[in-house]
N, C-alpha and C. Protein backbone atom coordinates (compact mmCIF):
# COMPACT_ATOMS: atom_id res chain seq x y z
N MET A 1 -20.59 -20.67 9.60
CA MET A 1 -19.34 -20.54 8.87
C MET A 1 -18.58 -19.36 9.46
N THR A 2 -17.31 -19.56 9.77
CA THR A 2 -16.50 -18.47 10.33
C THR A 2 -15.92 -17.64 9.19
N LEU A 3 -15.39 -16.49 9.55
CA LEU A 3 -14.81 -15.60 8.55
C LEU A 3 -13.59 -16.20 7.88
N ARG A 4 -12.92 -17.11 8.55
CA ARG A 4 -11.70 -17.69 8.00
C ARG A 4 -11.98 -18.79 6.97
N GLN A 5 -13.17 -19.39 6.98
CA GLN A 5 -13.49 -20.44 6.04
C GLN A 5 -13.84 -19.83 4.69
N LYS A 6 -13.39 -20.47 3.64
CA LYS A 6 -13.69 -19.99 2.30
C LYS A 6 -14.90 -20.74 1.77
N MET A 7 -15.78 -20.01 1.10
CA MET A 7 -16.96 -20.62 0.49
C MET A 7 -16.60 -21.10 -0.91
N THR A 8 -17.18 -22.20 -1.29
CA THR A 8 -17.01 -22.69 -2.66
C THR A 8 -17.92 -21.88 -3.57
N ASP A 9 -17.69 -21.98 -4.86
CA ASP A 9 -18.56 -21.29 -5.82
C ASP A 9 -20.00 -21.77 -5.68
N ALA A 10 -20.18 -23.06 -5.45
CA ALA A 10 -21.53 -23.61 -5.30
C ALA A 10 -22.21 -23.03 -4.06
N GLU A 11 -21.46 -22.88 -2.97
CA GLU A 11 -22.03 -22.30 -1.75
C GLU A 11 -22.40 -20.83 -1.96
N ILE A 12 -21.56 -20.11 -2.69
CA ILE A 12 -21.85 -18.71 -2.99
C ILE A 12 -23.12 -18.62 -3.84
N ASP A 13 -23.23 -19.46 -4.87
CA ASP A 13 -24.42 -19.47 -5.73
C ASP A 13 -25.67 -19.79 -4.92
N ALA A 14 -25.57 -20.76 -4.00
CA ALA A 14 -26.71 -21.14 -3.17
C ALA A 14 -27.11 -19.99 -2.24
N ALA A 15 -26.13 -19.31 -1.68
CA ALA A 15 -26.41 -18.18 -0.79
C ALA A 15 -27.10 -17.05 -1.55
N ILE A 16 -26.65 -16.79 -2.76
CA ILE A 16 -27.27 -15.75 -3.58
C ILE A 16 -28.71 -16.15 -3.93
N ALA A 17 -28.90 -17.40 -4.30
CA ALA A 17 -30.24 -17.87 -4.71
C ALA A 17 -31.24 -17.77 -3.56
N SER A 18 -30.77 -17.92 -2.32
CA SER A 18 -31.68 -17.88 -1.17
C SER A 18 -31.83 -16.49 -0.58
N ASP A 19 -31.12 -15.51 -1.11
CA ASP A 19 -31.18 -14.13 -0.60
C ASP A 19 -32.33 -13.39 -1.26
N PRO A 20 -33.33 -12.94 -0.49
CA PRO A 20 -34.48 -12.26 -1.10
C PRO A 20 -34.11 -10.94 -1.79
N ASP A 21 -33.02 -10.32 -1.40
CA ASP A 21 -32.60 -9.08 -2.05
C ASP A 21 -32.15 -9.32 -3.49
N TRP A 22 -31.81 -10.55 -3.81
CA TRP A 22 -31.35 -10.89 -5.16
C TRP A 22 -32.44 -11.54 -5.99
N ALA A 23 -33.68 -11.54 -5.49
CA ALA A 23 -34.77 -12.26 -6.15
C ALA A 23 -35.00 -11.79 -7.59
N GLU A 24 -34.88 -10.48 -7.83
CA GLU A 24 -35.15 -9.96 -9.17
C GLU A 24 -33.87 -9.67 -9.95
N PHE A 25 -32.76 -10.17 -9.46
CA PHE A 25 -31.47 -9.94 -10.12
C PHE A 25 -31.43 -10.68 -11.45
N GLU A 26 -30.97 -9.95 -12.46
CA GLU A 26 -30.77 -10.57 -13.76
C GLU A 26 -29.30 -10.42 -14.14
N PRO A 27 -28.71 -11.46 -14.69
CA PRO A 27 -27.31 -11.36 -15.08
C PRO A 27 -27.09 -10.20 -16.07
N ILE A 28 -25.95 -9.57 -15.95
CA ILE A 28 -25.62 -8.42 -16.82
C ILE A 28 -24.69 -8.89 -17.93
N ASP A 29 -25.01 -8.49 -19.14
CA ASP A 29 -24.15 -8.82 -20.28
C ASP A 29 -23.09 -7.72 -20.40
N TRP A 30 -21.87 -8.04 -20.03
CA TRP A 30 -20.77 -7.06 -20.05
C TRP A 30 -20.01 -7.08 -21.37
N SER A 31 -20.44 -7.89 -22.34
CA SER A 31 -19.68 -8.05 -23.58
C SER A 31 -19.57 -6.76 -24.39
N LYS A 32 -20.53 -5.85 -24.22
CA LYS A 32 -20.50 -4.60 -24.99
C LYS A 32 -20.12 -3.40 -24.13
N ALA A 33 -19.65 -3.68 -22.93
CA ALA A 33 -19.26 -2.59 -22.03
C ALA A 33 -18.04 -1.85 -22.57
N GLU A 34 -18.01 -0.56 -22.34
CA GLU A 34 -16.90 0.26 -22.79
C GLU A 34 -16.23 0.92 -21.60
N VAL A 35 -14.92 1.01 -21.64
CA VAL A 35 -14.19 1.71 -20.60
C VAL A 35 -14.31 3.21 -20.87
N VAL A 36 -14.74 3.94 -19.87
CA VAL A 36 -14.89 5.38 -19.99
C VAL A 36 -13.86 6.04 -19.08
N VAL A 37 -12.95 6.77 -19.67
CA VAL A 37 -11.93 7.47 -18.90
C VAL A 37 -12.50 8.85 -18.55
N PRO A 38 -12.59 9.14 -17.24
CA PRO A 38 -13.15 10.44 -16.87
C PRO A 38 -12.25 11.57 -17.34
N PRO A 39 -12.84 12.72 -17.63
CA PRO A 39 -12.03 13.85 -18.08
C PRO A 39 -11.08 14.30 -16.98
N LYS A 40 -9.96 14.85 -17.40
CA LYS A 40 -8.98 15.34 -16.45
C LYS A 40 -9.57 16.52 -15.68
N LYS A 41 -9.32 16.55 -14.39
CA LYS A 41 -9.81 17.64 -13.55
C LYS A 41 -8.81 18.78 -13.57
N GLN A 42 -9.32 19.99 -13.42
CA GLN A 42 -8.47 21.16 -13.33
C GLN A 42 -8.71 21.82 -11.98
N ALA A 43 -7.66 22.01 -11.21
CA ALA A 43 -7.77 22.68 -9.92
C ALA A 43 -7.97 24.17 -10.15
N ILE A 44 -9.01 24.72 -9.51
CA ILE A 44 -9.28 26.15 -9.61
C ILE A 44 -9.62 26.67 -8.22
N SER A 45 -9.68 27.96 -8.10
CA SER A 45 -10.15 28.60 -6.88
C SER A 45 -11.48 29.24 -7.22
N ILE A 46 -12.50 28.94 -6.42
CA ILE A 46 -13.84 29.48 -6.68
C ILE A 46 -14.44 29.93 -5.36
N ARG A 47 -15.14 31.02 -5.38
CA ARG A 47 -15.79 31.54 -4.18
C ARG A 47 -17.26 31.13 -4.22
N LEU A 48 -17.67 30.37 -3.21
CA LEU A 48 -19.06 29.90 -3.11
C LEU A 48 -19.66 30.40 -1.80
N ASP A 49 -20.96 30.54 -1.77
CA ASP A 49 -21.63 30.91 -0.53
C ASP A 49 -21.38 29.83 0.52
N GLN A 50 -21.18 30.26 1.76
CA GLN A 50 -20.83 29.33 2.84
C GLN A 50 -21.90 28.26 3.04
N ASP A 51 -23.19 28.64 2.91
CA ASP A 51 -24.25 27.64 3.11
C ASP A 51 -24.20 26.54 2.06
N LEU A 52 -23.77 26.87 0.84
CA LEU A 52 -23.63 25.85 -0.21
C LEU A 52 -22.51 24.88 0.14
N VAL A 53 -21.39 25.43 0.55
CA VAL A 53 -20.26 24.58 0.92
C VAL A 53 -20.65 23.69 2.11
N ASP A 54 -21.30 24.27 3.10
CA ASP A 54 -21.72 23.50 4.28
C ASP A 54 -22.67 22.37 3.89
N PHE A 55 -23.60 22.66 2.96
CA PHE A 55 -24.55 21.65 2.51
C PHE A 55 -23.83 20.45 1.90
N PHE A 56 -22.92 20.71 0.97
CA PHE A 56 -22.22 19.61 0.30
C PHE A 56 -21.27 18.88 1.24
N LYS A 57 -20.61 19.61 2.13
CA LYS A 57 -19.69 18.96 3.09
C LYS A 57 -20.46 18.10 4.09
N ALA A 58 -21.69 18.50 4.43
CA ALA A 58 -22.48 17.75 5.40
C ALA A 58 -22.82 16.35 4.89
N GLU A 59 -22.79 16.16 3.57
CA GLU A 59 -23.08 14.85 2.99
C GLU A 59 -21.92 13.88 3.17
N GLY A 60 -20.76 14.38 3.62
CA GLY A 60 -19.61 13.52 3.86
C GLY A 60 -18.53 13.71 2.82
N PRO A 61 -17.54 12.82 2.84
CA PRO A 61 -16.42 12.93 1.90
C PRO A 61 -16.91 12.91 0.45
N GLY A 62 -16.18 13.60 -0.41
CA GLY A 62 -16.53 13.64 -1.82
C GLY A 62 -17.37 14.86 -2.19
N TYR A 63 -17.36 15.88 -1.33
CA TYR A 63 -18.22 17.03 -1.60
C TYR A 63 -17.84 17.74 -2.90
N GLN A 64 -16.56 17.80 -3.22
CA GLN A 64 -16.15 18.45 -4.46
C GLN A 64 -16.66 17.67 -5.67
N ARG A 65 -16.64 16.36 -5.57
CA ARG A 65 -17.15 15.52 -6.65
C ARG A 65 -18.66 15.75 -6.84
N ARG A 66 -19.38 15.93 -5.74
CA ARG A 66 -20.83 16.20 -5.85
C ARG A 66 -21.09 17.57 -6.46
N ILE A 67 -20.30 18.56 -6.06
CA ILE A 67 -20.46 19.89 -6.66
C ILE A 67 -20.19 19.79 -8.16
N ASN A 68 -19.16 19.05 -8.54
CA ASN A 68 -18.85 18.86 -9.96
C ASN A 68 -20.02 18.20 -10.69
N ALA A 69 -20.65 17.21 -10.06
CA ALA A 69 -21.78 16.51 -10.68
C ALA A 69 -22.96 17.46 -10.89
N VAL A 70 -23.22 18.33 -9.93
CA VAL A 70 -24.31 19.30 -10.07
C VAL A 70 -24.02 20.26 -11.22
N LEU A 71 -22.79 20.75 -11.28
CA LEU A 71 -22.42 21.65 -12.37
C LEU A 71 -22.51 20.96 -13.73
N ARG A 72 -22.08 19.69 -13.79
CA ARG A 72 -22.14 18.94 -15.05
C ARG A 72 -23.59 18.77 -15.49
N SER A 73 -24.47 18.45 -14.56
CA SER A 73 -25.89 18.31 -14.88
C SER A 73 -26.46 19.61 -15.44
N TYR A 74 -26.08 20.71 -14.85
CA TYR A 74 -26.51 22.03 -15.34
C TYR A 74 -26.05 22.26 -16.78
N VAL A 75 -24.78 21.97 -17.03
CA VAL A 75 -24.22 22.19 -18.38
C VAL A 75 -24.93 21.31 -19.41
N ILE A 76 -25.15 20.04 -19.07
CA ILE A 76 -25.82 19.12 -20.00
C ILE A 76 -27.22 19.62 -20.34
N LYS A 77 -27.96 20.05 -19.31
CA LYS A 77 -29.32 20.55 -19.56
C LYS A 77 -29.32 21.82 -20.38
N ARG A 78 -28.36 22.70 -20.15
CA ARG A 78 -28.27 23.95 -20.92
C ARG A 78 -27.91 23.67 -22.38
N LYS A 79 -27.05 22.69 -22.61
CA LYS A 79 -26.66 22.36 -23.98
C LYS A 79 -27.82 21.77 -24.76
N ARG A 80 -28.75 21.09 -24.08
CA ARG A 80 -29.91 20.50 -24.74
C ARG A 80 -30.93 21.55 -25.13
N ALA A 81 -30.93 22.67 -24.42
CA ALA A 81 -31.94 23.73 -24.65
C ALA A 81 -31.69 24.47 -25.94
């Protein structure tokens, strides 16, 4: 099948059924899903050690988001204590 040909729903279902990576896939019930709006971000200036910045930047784009996730994890754990 070339990239220009469109697969039918039946062909897509058959391809999924024969894919070993989907062997343990279970349908997800989205009926109770809730939309979560992320909190508004605030731009700040912060001084961090260069090795910390280098570490997060080395992981690729999104380093600020990862730093935010680490800080959020810290706050959540401290609030539980």
